[in-house]
C-alpha atoms as a PDB file:
ATOM      1  CA  MET A   1       0.005   0.002   0.000  1.00  0.00           C
ATOM      2  CA  PRO A   2       1.576   3.308  -1.061  1.00  0.00           C
ATOM      3  CA  THR A   3       2.079   6.071   1.464  1.00  0.00           C
ATOM      4  CA  PRO A   4       2.141   9.839   0.735  1.00  0.00           C
ATOM      5  CA  GLU A   5       5.942   9.659   0.978  1.00  0.00           C
ATOM      6  CA  SER A   6       6.311   6.733  -1.428  1.00  0.00           C
ATOM      7  CA  PRO A   7       7.213   7.442  -5.062  1.00  0.00           C
ATOM      8  CA  LEU A   8       4.511   7.620  -7.703  1.00  0.00           C
ATOM      9  CA  LEU A   9       6.778   5.841 -10.184  1.00  0.00           C
ATOM     10  CA  GLU A  10       9.835   3.803  -9.315  1.00  0.00           C
ATOM     11  CA  LEU A  11      12.324   1.814 -11.373  1.00  0.00           C
ATOM     12  CA  VAL A  12      14.566  -0.522  -9.363  1.00  0.00           C
ATOM     13  CA  GLY A  13      17.567  -2.221 -10.955  1.00  0.00           C
ATOM     14  CA  VAL A  14      16.022  -2.246 -14.446  1.00  0.00           C
ATOM     15  CA  SER A  15      18.174  -3.785 -17.179  1.00  0.00           C
ATOM     16  CA  VAL A  16      17.257  -4.410 -20.814  1.00  0.00           C
ATOM     17  CA  SER A  17      19.394  -5.817 -23.593  1.00  0.00           C
ATOM     18  CA  PHE A  18      18.732  -6.487 -27.268  1.00  0.00           C
ATOM     19  CA  ASP A  19      20.883  -9.133 -28.951  1.00  0.00           C
ATOM     20  CA  GLY A  20      23.760  -8.479 -26.572  1.00  0.00           C
ATOM     21  CA  PHE A  21      23.436  -4.669 -26.680  1.00  0.00           C
ATOM     22  CA  LEU A  22      22.789  -3.355 -23.167  1.00  0.00           C
ATOM     23  CA  ALA A  23      20.216  -0.558 -23.581  1.00  0.00           C
ATOM     24  CA  LEU A  24      19.545  -0.079 -19.848  1.00  0.00           C
ATOM     25  CA  LYS A  25      21.848  -1.262 -17.077  1.00  0.00           C
ATOM     26  CA  ASN A  26      20.672  -1.351 -13.464  1.00  0.00           C
ATOM     27  CA  LEU A  27      18.516   1.771 -13.855  1.00  0.00           C
ATOM     28  CA  ASN A  28      17.127   3.207 -10.633  1.00  0.00           C
ATOM     29  CA  LEU A  29      14.720   6.137 -10.588  1.00  0.00           C
ATOM     30  CA  GLN A  30      12.055   7.544  -8.283  1.00  0.00           C
ATOM     31  CA  LEU A  31       9.453  10.134  -9.257  1.00  0.00           C
ATOM     32  CA  ALA A  32       7.183  11.785  -6.722  1.00  0.00           C
ATOM     33  CA  ALA A  33       3.654  12.917  -7.552  1.00  0.00           C
ATOM     34  CA  GLY A  34       3.800  16.287  -9.331  1.00  0.00           C
ATOM     35  CA  GLU A  35       7.512  15.939 -10.097  1.00  0.00           C
ATOM     36  CA  LEU A  36       8.642  16.677 -13.649  1.00  0.00           C
ATOM     37  CA  ARG A  37      11.778  15.194 -15.216  1.00  0.00           C
ATOM     38  CA  ALA A  38      13.348  15.453 -18.658  1.00  0.00           C
ATOM     39  CA  VAL A  39      15.055  12.507 -20.347  1.00  0.00           C
ATOM     40  CA  ILE A  40      17.798  13.608 -22.729  1.00  0.00           C
ATOM     41  CA  GLY A  41      20.647  11.861 -24.491  1.00  0.00           C
ATOM     42  CA  PRO A  42      22.070  10.943 -27.874  1.00  0.00           C
ATOM     43  CA  ASN A  43      20.570   8.381 -30.218  1.00  0.00           C
ATOM     44  CA  GLY A  44      20.991   4.910 -28.792  1.00  0.00           C
ATOM     45  CA  ALA A  45      21.238   6.085 -25.187  1.00  0.00           C
ATOM     46  CA  GLY A  46      18.149   4.131 -24.086  1.00  0.00           C
ATOM     47  CA  LYS A  47      15.529   6.911 -23.842  1.00  0.00           C
ATOM     48  CA  THR A  48      12.895   5.074 -25.868  1.00  0.00           C
ATOM     49  CA  THR A  49      13.659   1.769 -24.144  1.00  0.00           C
ATOM     50  CA  PHE A  50      13.233   3.541 -20.781  1.00  0.00           C
ATOM     51  CA  LEU A  51       9.723   4.697 -21.779  1.00  0.00           C
ATOM     52  CA  ASP A  52       8.906   1.334 -23.371  1.00  0.00           C
ATOM     53  CA  VAL A  53       9.730  -0.447 -20.096  1.00  0.00           C
ATOM     54  CA  ILE A  54       7.497   1.897 -18.086  1.00  0.00           C
ATOM     55  CA  THR A  55       4.547   1.432 -20.451  1.00  0.00           C
ATOM     56  CA  GLY A  56       4.977  -2.333 -20.826  1.00  0.00           C
ATOM     57  CA  LYS A  57       6.003  -2.408 -24.470  1.00  0.00           C
ATOM     58  CA  VAL A  58       9.369  -3.919 -23.460  1.00  0.00           C
ATOM     59  CA  ARG A  59       9.883  -6.217 -20.474  1.00  0.00           C
ATOM     60  CA  PRO A  60      13.094  -5.832 -18.516  1.00  0.00           C
ATOM     61  CA  GLN A  61      15.403  -8.814 -18.092  1.00  0.00           C
ATOM     62  CA  ALA A  62      16.116  -7.622 -14.546  1.00  0.00           C
ATOM     63  CA  GLY A  63      14.563  -5.248 -12.055  1.00  0.00           C
ATOM     64  CA  ASP A  64      11.073  -3.930 -11.471  1.00  0.00           C
ATOM     65  CA  VAL A  65       8.874  -0.975 -12.350  1.00  0.00           C
ATOM     66  CA  ARG A  66       6.356   0.141  -9.723  1.00  0.00           C
ATOM     67  CA  PHE A  67       3.480   2.581 -10.121  1.00  0.00           C
ATOM     68  CA  ARG A  68       1.773   3.768  -6.938  1.00  0.00           C
ATOM     69  CA  GLY A  69       3.541   0.974  -5.093  1.00  0.00           C
ATOM     70  CA  ARG A  70       2.267  -1.748  -7.447  1.00  0.00           C
ATOM     71  CA  SER A  71       4.660  -3.805  -9.504  1.00  0.00           C
ATOM     72  CA  LEU A  72       4.033  -3.601 -13.243  1.00  0.00           C
ATOM     73  CA  LYS A  73       5.962  -6.841 -13.789  1.00  0.00           C
ATOM     74  CA  GLY A  74       4.077  -9.250 -16.034  1.00  0.00           C
ATOM     75  CA  ARG A  75       1.369  -6.737 -17.012  1.00  0.00           C
ATOM     76  CA  ASN A  76       0.486  -6.002 -20.630  1.00  0.00           C
ATOM     77  CA  GLU A  77       0.437  -2.505 -22.122  1.00  0.00           C
ATOM     78  CA  HIS A  78      -3.344  -2.187 -21.843  1.00  0.00           C
ATOM     79  CA  GLN A  79      -3.294  -3.291 -18.189  1.00  0.00           C
ATOM     80  CA  ILE A  80      -0.638  -0.699 -17.400  1.00  0.00           C
ATOM     81  CA  ALA A  81      -2.625   1.976 -19.243  1.00  0.00           C
ATOM     82  CA  ARG A  82      -5.694   1.149 -17.150  1.00  0.00           C
ATOM     83  CA  LEU A  83      -3.641   1.815 -14.013  1.00  0.00           C
ATOM     84  CA  GLY A  84      -2.995   5.343 -15.321  1.00  0.00           C
ATOM     85  CA  VAL A  85       0.366   5.035 -17.085  1.00  0.00           C
ATOM     86  CA  GLY A  86       0.255   6.305 -20.651  1.00  0.00           C
ATOM     87  CA  ARG A  87       2.417   7.639 -23.400  1.00  0.00           C
ATOM     88  CA  LYS A  88       1.907  10.360 -25.964  1.00  0.00           C
ATOM     89  CA  PHE A  89       3.808   9.984 -29.221  1.00  0.00           C
ATOM     90  CA  GLN A  90       5.059  13.018 -31.059  1.00  0.00           C
ATOM     91  CA  SER A  91       3.462  12.854 -34.489  1.00  0.00           C
ATOM     92  CA  PRO A  92       3.464  16.326 -35.980  1.00  0.00           C
ATOM     93  CA  ARG A  93       0.954  16.421 -38.798  1.00  0.00           C
ATOM     94  CA  VAL A  94      -0.971  18.978 -40.723  1.00  0.00           C
ATOM     95  CA  PHE A  95      -4.630  18.955 -41.668  1.00  0.00           C
ATOM     96  CA  GLU A  96      -4.455  18.436 -45.424  1.00  0.00           C
ATOM     97  CA  GLN A  97      -7.900  19.942 -46.030  1.00  0.00           C
ATOM     98  CA  LEU A  98      -6.739  23.229 -44.466  1.00  0.00           C
ATOM     99  CA  SER A  99      -4.444  25.815 -46.027  1.00  0.00           C
ATOM    100  CA  VAL A 100      -0.965  26.475 -44.636  1.00  0.00           C
ATOM    101  CA  GLN A 101      -2.251  29.676 -43.033  1.00  0.00           C
ATOM    102  CA  GLU A 102      -5.190  27.823 -41.419  1.00  0.00           C
ATOM    103  CA  ASN A 103      -2.875  25.111 -40.055  1.00  0.00           C
ATOM    104  CA  LEU A 104      -0.572  27.736 -38.542  1.00  0.00           C
ATOM    105  CA  ALA A 105      -3.497  29.667 -37.064  1.00  0.00           C
ATOM    106  CA  LEU A 106      -4.800  26.478 -35.465  1.00  0.00           C
ATOM    107  CA  ALA A 107      -1.380  25.675 -33.987  1.00  0.00           C
ATOM    108  CA  VAL A 108      -1.054  29.049 -32.253  1.00  0.00           C
ATOM    109  CA  SER A 109      -4.700  29.433 -31.205  1.00  0.00           C
ATOM    110  CA  THR A 110      -4.464  27.247 -28.099  1.00  0.00           C
ATOM    111  CA  PRO A 111      -2.559  28.331 -24.977  1.00  0.00           C
ATOM    112  CA  LYS A 112       0.481  26.078 -24.498  1.00  0.00           C
ATOM    113  CA  THR A 113       0.717  24.656 -20.989  1.00  0.00           C
ATOM    114  CA  PRO A 114       2.463  21.379 -20.102  1.00  0.00           C
ATOM    115  CA  MET A 115      -0.824  19.590 -19.409  1.00  0.00           C
ATOM    116  CA  GLY A 116      -2.576  21.286 -22.337  1.00  0.00           C
ATOM    117  CA  LEU A 117      -0.175  19.648 -24.732  1.00  0.00           C
ATOM    118  CA  LEU A 118      -1.264  16.151 -23.738  1.00  0.00           C
END
């Protein structure tokens, strides 16, 4: 049972390899509710694998991912999503039926806040 002090999301000793390539090695991370982190690094650094492990797309060979104190080990992507863990892919697209000017006007018409972008 999670307590107010326990992390919202926790990765403990997570390791993932693909055909001998170690994408994540003994990754440990704790995120508190309301905490914001950025994941940066060069291509091949493991950023996508990190997100794939959290959302259940990739299963770690070692370690555990916990959300609100519950292990996500063995859960499918849809089961993890139902617990409240999701992912938003960046897919910039234009509306082909609109003109360039209309697409640009639409893009700037909405206030940009971190939660408003989701």
